[in-house]
Amino acid sequence: MDDRIQKAVLIAMGKCHSPWTIGFSEAQRRAIMADKNWKNGFYSADAPPSEGLAAARMMGMMMYRSAPAFERRFGRELQDGHDDMLQVNSYLNYQGDKLVKRFDANTYIRLTQAMDTHDVARGRGTYEDVLGAIRIPLLIIGISSDVLYPVSEQKELAKLITQGIYYELVSDEGHDAFLIEFSKMKEIYTSFNQMLFSNLSTLL
């Protein structure tokens, strides 16, 4: 690793994309390709595979959060002004339609494919050798309710990296918790920096 980097933070990720996350991405891509407007990726700008892209985004939103978070936020409440639509249905449809207006389906597919290739040891040796060669302190944060990148993946990183320090963000917000739990994230960062300063002080 570049000597100019003194420390780093890894949040809710693993050493590679797991079969679980790859499979989930494939399901999203299949939803896009099943759209009648897909046309093998050569769709018209005026008629993109909007329904498929919206469905893929809706799946994504489910994986970025958690069952407890959805229960707390939506329950089984009906959407205002509707007799046959629950709030959770309205929310997911809104998120799907919102993405369609600002994102391209081919880009979504290529992005998920690129993510699927994530593997820090690809063509470089074993995970033990590659990650064990890192000599700077790394803060590795897992999120207790993350179903997309379970905490077992972050704990594994902490074991493989010589100076890997694992902290767990306890939250029922799912993978997106690091974008929501600002005060808890600040506490983790502060504790990590204080620990590094304390260790440095003992060496001086």
C-alpha atoms as a PDB file:
ATOM      1  CA  MET A   1       0.000   0.000   0.000  1.00  0.00           C
ATOM      2  CA  ASP A   2       1.171   3.524  -0.771  1.00  0.00           C
ATOM      3  CA  ASP A   3       3.321   4.853   2.124  1.00  0.00           C
ATOM      4  CA  ARG A   4       1.478   8.168   1.915  1.00  0.00           C
ATOM      5  CA  ILE A   5      -1.653   6.499   3.350  1.00  0.00           C
ATOM      6  CA  GLN A   6      -1.418   6.437   7.146  1.00  0.00           C
ATOM      7  CA  LYS A   7      -4.765   4.856   7.983  1.00  0.00           C
ATOM      8  CA  ALA A   8      -8.006   3.890   6.281  1.00  0.00           C
ATOM      9  CA  VAL A   9     -11.614   2.950   6.990  1.00  0.00           C
ATOM     10  CA  LEU A  10     -13.479   0.020   5.440  1.00  0.00           C
ATOM     11  CA  ILE A  11     -17.246   0.077   5.931  1.00  0.00           C
ATOM     12  CA  ALA A  12     -19.629  -2.851   5.402  1.00  0.00           C
ATOM     13  CA  MET A  13     -17.623  -4.789   2.820  1.00  0.00           C
ATOM     14  CA  GLY A  14     -15.641  -8.000   2.439  1.00  0.00           C
ATOM     15  CA  LYS A  15     -12.502  -9.305   0.795  1.00  0.00           C
ATOM     16  CA  CYS A  16     -14.547 -10.172  -2.298  1.00  0.00           C
ATOM     17  CA  HIS A  17     -18.109 -10.174  -3.522  1.00  0.00           C
ATOM     18  CA  SER A  18     -19.723 -13.271  -2.075  1.00  0.00           C
ATOM     19  CA  PRO A  19     -21.958 -15.710  -4.005  1.00  0.00           C
ATOM     20  CA  TRP A  20     -24.864 -14.160  -2.067  1.00  0.00           C
ATOM     21  CA  THR A  21     -24.263 -10.630  -3.328  1.00  0.00           C
ATOM     22  CA  ILE A  22     -23.405 -11.817  -6.831  1.00  0.00           C
ATOM     23  CA  GLY A  23     -26.638 -13.810  -6.970  1.00  0.00           C
ATOM     24  CA  PHE A  24     -28.616 -10.816  -5.818  1.00  0.00           C
ATOM     25  CA  SER A  25     -27.038  -8.655  -8.522  1.00  0.00           C
ATOM     26  CA  GLU A  26     -27.872 -11.267 -11.135  1.00  0.00           C
ATOM     27  CA  ALA A  27     -31.530 -11.220 -10.069  1.00  0.00           C
ATOM     28  CA  GLN A  28     -31.573  -7.445 -10.514  1.00  0.00           C
ATOM     29  CA  ARG A  29     -30.026  -7.714 -13.958  1.00  0.00           C
ATOM     30  CA  ARG A  30     -32.545 -10.372 -14.950  1.00  0.00           C
ATOM     31  CA  ALA A  31     -35.380  -8.040 -13.946  1.00  0.00           C
ATOM     32  CA  ILE A  32     -34.025  -5.361 -16.278  1.00  0.00           C
ATOM     33  CA  MET A  33     -33.496  -7.787 -19.153  1.00  0.00           C
ATOM     34  CA  ALA A  34     -37.027  -9.147 -18.775  1.00  0.00           C
ATOM     35  CA  ASP A  35     -38.468  -5.724 -19.620  1.00  0.00           C
ATOM     36  CA  LYS A  36     -40.153  -5.694 -23.028  1.00  0.00           C
ATOM     37  CA  ASN A  37     -38.144  -2.607 -23.958  1.00  0.00           C
ATOM     38  CA  TRP A  38     -34.756  -4.144 -23.165  1.00  0.00           C
ATOM     39  CA  LYS A  39     -33.988  -5.171 -26.763  1.00  0.00           C
ATOM     40  CA  ASN A  40     -30.711  -6.818 -25.769  1.00  0.00           C
ATOM     41  CA  GLY A  41     -29.409  -3.490 -24.480  1.00  0.00           C
ATOM     42  CA  PHE A  42     -30.069  -1.556 -27.713  1.00  0.00           C
ATOM     43  CA  TYR A  43     -33.189   0.185 -26.476  1.00  0.00           C
ATOM     44  CA  SER A  44     -34.391   3.556 -27.596  1.00  0.00           C
ATOM     45  CA  ALA A  45     -33.701   6.601 -25.438  1.00  0.00           C
ATOM     46  CA  ASP A  46     -37.406   7.348 -25.736  1.00  0.00           C
ATOM     47  CA  ALA A  47     -38.435   3.868 -24.593  1.00  0.00           C
ATOM     48  CA  PRO A  48     -35.930   2.491 -22.062  1.00  0.00           C
ATOM     49  CA  PRO A  49     -36.618  -0.628 -19.940  1.00  0.00           C
ATOM     50  CA  SER A  50     -38.088   1.507 -17.172  1.00  0.00           C
ATOM     51  CA  GLU A  51     -40.194  -1.169 -15.494  1.00  0.00           C
ATOM     52  CA  GLY A  52     -37.267  -3.557 -15.269  1.00  0.00           C
ATOM     53  CA  LEU A  53     -34.924  -0.907 -13.904  1.00  0.00           C
ATOM     54  CA  ALA A  54     -37.519   0.182 -11.354  1.00  0.00           C
ATOM     55  CA  ALA A  55     -37.952  -3.431 -10.207  1.00  0.00           C
ATOM     56  CA  ALA A  56     -34.171  -3.815  -9.844  1.00  0.00           C
ATOM     57  CA  ARG A  57     -34.009  -0.680  -7.732  1.00  0.00           C
ATOM     58  CA  MET A  58     -36.871  -1.879  -5.551  1.00  0.00           C
ATOM     59  CA  MET A  59     -34.969  -5.108  -4.880  1.00  0.00           C
ATOM     60  CA  GLY A  60     -31.940  -3.023  -4.023  1.00  0.00           C
ATOM     61  CA  MET A  61     -33.838  -0.949  -1.494  1.00  0.00           C
ATOM     62  CA  MET A  62     -34.949  -4.134   0.264  1.00  0.00           C
ATOM     63  CA  MET A  63     -31.342  -5.303   0.622  1.00  0.00           C
ATOM     64  CA  TYR A  64     -30.019  -1.930   1.760  1.00  0.00           C
ATOM     65  CA  ARG A  65     -32.345  -1.874   4.760  1.00  0.00           C
ATOM     66  CA  SER A  66     -33.656  -4.516   7.168  1.00  0.00           C
ATOM     67  CA  ALA A  67     -36.899  -6.174   8.227  1.00  0.00           C
ATOM     68  CA  PRO A  68     -36.984  -4.371  11.626  1.00  0.00           C
ATOM     69  CA  ALA A  69     -36.416  -1.012   9.902  1.00  0.00           C
ATOM     70  CA  PHE A  70     -39.295  -1.627   7.505  1.00  0.00           C
ATOM     71  CA  GLU A  71     -41.537  -2.778  10.350  1.00  0.00           C
ATOM     72  CA  ARG A  72     -40.798   0.346  12.377  1.00  0.00           C
ATOM     73  CA  ARG A  73     -41.166   2.744   9.467  1.00  0.00           C
ATOM     74  CA  PHE A  74     -44.132   1.258   7.627  1.00  0.00           C
ATOM     75  CA  GLY A  75     -45.849  -1.520   9.557  1.00  0.00           C
ATOM     76  CA  ARG A  76     -48.987  -2.419   7.650  1.00  0.00           C
ATOM     77  CA  GLU A  77     -50.243   1.139   7.372  1.00  0.00           C
ATOM     78  CA  LEU A  78     -52.142   2.165   4.272  1.00  0.00           C
ATOM     79  CA  GLN A  79     -50.814   4.953   2.111  1.00  0.00           C
ATOM     80  CA  ASP A  80     -52.801   8.174   2.579  1.00  0.00           C
ATOM     81  CA  GLY A  81     -55.644   8.405   0.087  1.00  0.00           C
ATOM     82  CA  HIS A  82     -55.458   4.726  -0.899  1.00  0.00           C
ATOM     83  CA  ASP A  83     -57.620   1.797   0.149  1.00  0.00           C
ATOM     84  CA  ASP A  84     -55.512  -0.872  -1.520  1.00  0.00           C
ATOM     85  CA  MET A  85     -51.871   0.298  -1.216  1.00  0.00           C
ATOM     86  CA  LEU A  86     -49.692  -0.059   1.845  1.00  0.00           C
ATOM     87  CA  GLN A  87     -47.068   2.561   2.708  1.00  0.00           C
ATOM     88  CA  VAL A  88     -44.248   0.113   1.994  1.00  0.00           C
ATOM     89  CA  ASN A  89     -45.597  -0.505  -1.519  1.00  0.00           C
ATOM     90  CA  SER A  90     -45.800   3.220  -2.163  1.00  0.00           C
ATOM     91  CA  TYR A  91     -42.254   3.773  -0.866  1.00  0.00           C
ATOM     92  CA  LEU A  92     -40.694   1.073  -3.034  1.00  0.00           C
ATOM     93  CA  ASN A  93     -42.553   2.174  -6.140  1.00  0.00           C
ATOM     94  CA  TYR A  94     -41.478   5.750  -5.523  1.00  0.00           C
ATOM     95  CA  GLN A  95     -37.829   4.732  -5.172  1.00  0.00           C
ATOM     96  CA  GLY A  96     -38.002   2.639  -8.349  1.00  0.00           C
ATOM     97  CA  ASP A  97     -39.616   5.390 -10.409  1.00  0.00           C
ATOM     98  CA  LYS A  98     -37.207   7.984  -9.000  1.00  0.00           C
ATOM     99  CA  LEU A  99     -34.136   6.059 -10.164  1.00  0.00           C
ATOM    100  CA  VAL A 100     -35.548   5.555 -13.655  1.00  0.00           C
ATOM    101  CA  LYS A 101     -35.584   9.327 -14.152  1.00  0.00           C
ATOM    102  CA  ARG A 102     -31.855   9.733 -13.471  1.00  0.00           C
ATOM    103  CA  PHE A 103     -30.159   6.430 -14.300  1.00  0.00           C
ATOM    104  CA  ASP A 104     -29.532   4.288 -17.356  1.00  0.00           C
ATOM    105  CA  ALA A 105     -30.339   0.575 -17.391  1.00  0.00           C
ATOM    106  CA  ASN A 106     -27.146  -0.462 -19.196  1.00  0.00           C
ATOM    107  CA  THR A 107     -25.119   1.537 -16.690  1.00  0.00           C
ATOM    108  CA  TYR A 108     -26.889  -0.228 -13.820  1.00  0.00           C
ATOM    109  CA  ILE A 109     -26.042  -3.611 -15.321  1.00  0.00           C
ATOM    110  CA  ARG A 110     -22.388  -2.739 -15.940  1.00  0.00           C
ATOM    111  CA  LEU A 111     -22.058  -1.270 -12.457  1.00  0.00           C
ATOM    112  CA  THR A 112     -23.350  -4.428 -10.772  1.00  0.00           C
ATOM    113  CA  GLN A 113     -21.132  -6.585 -12.985  1.00  0.00           C
ATOM    114  CA  ALA A 114     -18.110  -4.507 -12.012  1.00  0.00           C
ATOM    115  CA  MET A 115     -19.006  -4.907  -8.338  1.00  0.00           C
ATOM    116  CA  ASP A 116     -19.267  -8.670  -8.797  1.00  0.00           C
ATOM    117  CA  THR A 117     -15.603  -8.775  -9.850  1.00  0.00           C
ATOM    118  CA  HIS A 118     -14.427  -7.315  -6.520  1.00  0.00           C
ATOM    119  CA  ASP A 119     -11.739  -9.656  -5.193  1.00  0.00           C
ATOM    120  CA  VAL A 120      -8.650  -8.139  -3.545  1.00  0.00           C
ATOM    121  CA  ALA A 121      -6.563 -11.278  -4.158  1.00  0.00           C
ATOM    122  CA  ARG A 122      -7.469 -11.831  -7.805  1.00  0.00           C
ATOM    123  CA  GLY A 123      -4.241 -12.549  -9.669  1.00  0.00           C
ATOM    124  CA  ARG A 124      -2.164 -11.490  -6.649  1.00  0.00           C
ATOM    125  CA  GLY A 125      -1.899 -14.585  -4.449  1.00  0.00           C
ATOM    126  CA  THR A 126      -3.764 -15.709  -1.338  1.00  0.00           C
ATOM    127  CA  TYR A 127      -5.985 -13.504   0.792  1.00  0.00           C
ATOM    128  CA  GLU A 128      -3.620 -14.100   3.707  1.00  0.00           C
ATOM    129  CA  ASP A 129      -0.638 -12.835   1.718  1.00  0.00           C
ATOM    130  CA  VAL A 130      -2.375  -9.863   0.090  1.00  0.00           C
ATOM    131  CA  LEU A 131      -4.214  -8.565   3.140  1.00  0.00           C
ATOM    132  CA  GLY A 132      -1.464  -9.551   5.540  1.00  0.00           C
ATOM    133  CA  ALA A 133       0.929  -7.263   3.660  1.00  0.00           C
ATOM    134  CA  ILE A 134      -1.044  -4.173   4.697  1.00  0.00           C
ATOM    135  CA  ARG A 135       0.918  -2.424   7.442  1.00  0.00           C
ATOM    136  CA  ILE A 136      -1.237   0.568   8.297  1.00  0.00           C
ATOM    137  CA  PRO A 137      -4.063   0.681  10.855  1.00  0.00           C
ATOM    138  CA  LEU A 138      -7.412  -0.107   9.264  1.00  0.00           C
ATOM    139  CA  LEU A 139     -10.739   0.599  10.926  1.00  0.00           C
ATOM    140  CA  ILE A 140     -13.171  -2.064   9.750  1.00  0.00           C
ATOM    141  CA  ILE A 141     -16.835  -1.354  10.483  1.00  0.00           C
ATOM    142  CA  GLY A 142     -19.552  -3.980  10.346  1.00  0.00           C
ATOM    143  CA  ILE A 143     -23.254  -3.246  10.683  1.00  0.00           C
ATOM    144  CA  SER A 144     -25.170  -5.618  12.938  1.00  0.00           C
ATOM    145  CA  SER A 145     -28.280  -5.825  10.719  1.00  0.00           C
ATOM    146  CA  ASP A 146     -26.558  -5.781   7.313  1.00  0.00           C
ATOM    147  CA  VAL A 147     -27.919  -8.608   5.136  1.00  0.00           C
ATOM    148  CA  LEU A 148     -26.027  -7.512   2.015  1.00  0.00           C
ATOM    149  CA  TYR A 149     -22.546  -7.683   3.573  1.00  0.00           C
ATOM    150  CA  PRO A 150     -22.899  -9.607   6.874  1.00  0.00           C
ATOM    151  CA  VAL A 151     -20.588  -8.775   9.783  1.00  0.00           C
ATOM    152  CA  SER A 152     -18.850 -12.128   9.336  1.00  0.00           C
ATOM    153  CA  GLU A 153     -17.168 -10.624   6.257  1.00  0.00           C
ATOM    154  CA  GLN A 154     -15.806  -7.634   8.170  1.00  0.00           C
ATOM    155  CA  LYS A 155     -14.639  -9.825  11.068  1.00  0.00           C
ATOM    156  CA  GLU A 156     -12.771 -11.944   8.534  1.00  0.00           C
ATOM    157  CA  LEU A 157     -11.042  -8.840   7.153  1.00  0.00           C
ATOM    158  CA  ALA A 158      -9.990  -7.799  10.649  1.00  0.00           C
ATOM    159  CA  LYS A 159      -8.364 -11.200  11.181  1.00  0.00           C
ATOM    160  CA  LEU A 160      -6.557 -11.166   7.833  1.00  0.00           C
ATOM    161  CA  ILE A 161      -5.207  -7.598   8.143  1.00  0.00           C
ATOM    162  CA  THR A 162      -2.298  -7.227  10.558  1.00  0.00           C
ATOM    163  CA  GLN A 163      -3.518  -3.960  12.050  1.00  0.00           C
ATOM    164  CA  GLY A 164      -7.195  -4.443  11.312  1.00  0.00           C
ATOM    165  CA  ILE A 165      -9.441  -3.124  14.083  1.00  0.00           C
ATOM    166  CA  TYR A 166     -13.077  -4.262  14.037  1.00  0.00           C
ATOM    167  CA  TYR A 167     -15.917  -2.130  15.342  1.00  0.00           C
ATOM    168  CA  GLU A 168     -19.574  -3.020  15.027  1.00  0.00           C
ATOM    169  CA  LEU A 169     -22.243  -0.427  14.412  1.00  0.00           C
ATOM    170  CA  VAL A 170     -25.272  -1.732  16.263  1.00  0.00           C
ATOM    171  CA  SER A 171     -28.327  -0.628  14.326  1.00  0.00           C
ATOM    172  CA  ASP A 172     -31.456  -2.131  12.806  1.00  0.00           C
ATOM    173  CA  GLU A 173     -31.217   0.162   9.749  1.00  0.00           C
ATOM    174  CA  GLY A 174     -29.428  -2.460   7.629  1.00  0.00           C
ATOM    175  CA  HIS A 175     -26.606  -1.763   5.168  1.00  0.00           C
ATOM    176  CA  ASP A 176     -27.549   1.923   4.879  1.00  0.00           C
ATOM    177  CA  ALA A 177     -27.017   2.469   8.608  1.00  0.00           C
ATOM    178  CA  PHE A 178     -23.661   4.168   7.983  1.00  0.00           C
ATOM    179  CA  LEU A 179     -25.586   6.834   6.029  1.00  0.00           C
ATOM    180  CA  ILE A 180     -28.134   7.260   8.814  1.00  0.00           C
ATOM    181  CA  GLU A 181     -26.467   6.697  12.204  1.00  0.00           C
ATOM    182  CA  PHE A 182     -24.192   9.730  12.119  1.00  0.00           C
ATOM    183  CA  SER A 183     -23.689  10.044  15.873  1.00  0.00           C
ATOM    184  CA  LYS A 184     -22.789   6.361  16.240  1.00  0.00           C
ATOM    185  CA  MET A 185     -20.385   6.558  13.310  1.00  0.00           C
ATOM    186  CA  LYS A 186     -18.739   9.605  14.880  1.00  0.00           C
ATOM    187  CA  GLU A 187     -18.279   7.680  18.136  1.00  0.00           C
ATOM    188  CA  ILE A 188     -16.595   4.810  16.282  1.00  0.00           C
ATOM    189  CA  TYR A 189     -14.252   7.151  14.383  1.00  0.00           C
ATOM    190  CA  THR A 190     -13.391   8.993  17.592  1.00  0.00           C
ATOM    191  CA  SER A 191     -12.652   5.783  19.497  1.00  0.00           C
ATOM    192  CA  PHE A 192     -10.433   4.545  16.670  1.00  0.00           C
ATOM    193  CA  ASN A 193      -8.436   7.775  16.500  1.00  0.00           C
ATOM    194  CA  GLN A 194      -8.074   7.923  20.277  1.00  0.00           C
ATOM    195  CA  MET A 195      -6.778   4.367  20.303  1.00  0.00           C
ATOM    196  CA  LEU A 196      -4.212   5.176  17.604  1.00  0.00           C
ATOM    197  CA  PHE A 197      -3.095   8.313  19.485  1.00  0.00           C
ATOM    198  CA  SER A 198      -2.789   6.356  22.711  1.00  0.00           C
ATOM    199  CA  ASN A 199      -0.679   3.665  21.046  1.00  0.00           C
ATOM    200  CA  LEU A 200       1.519   6.313  19.426  1.00  0.00           C
ATOM    201  CA  SER A 201       2.033   8.048  22.759  1.00  0.00           C
ATOM    202  CA  THR A 202       3.359   4.867  24.347  1.00  0.00           C
ATOM    203  CA  LEU A 203       6.024   4.644  21.650  1.00  0.00           C
ATOM    204  CA  LEU A 204       7.320   8.199  22.137  1.00  0.00           C
END
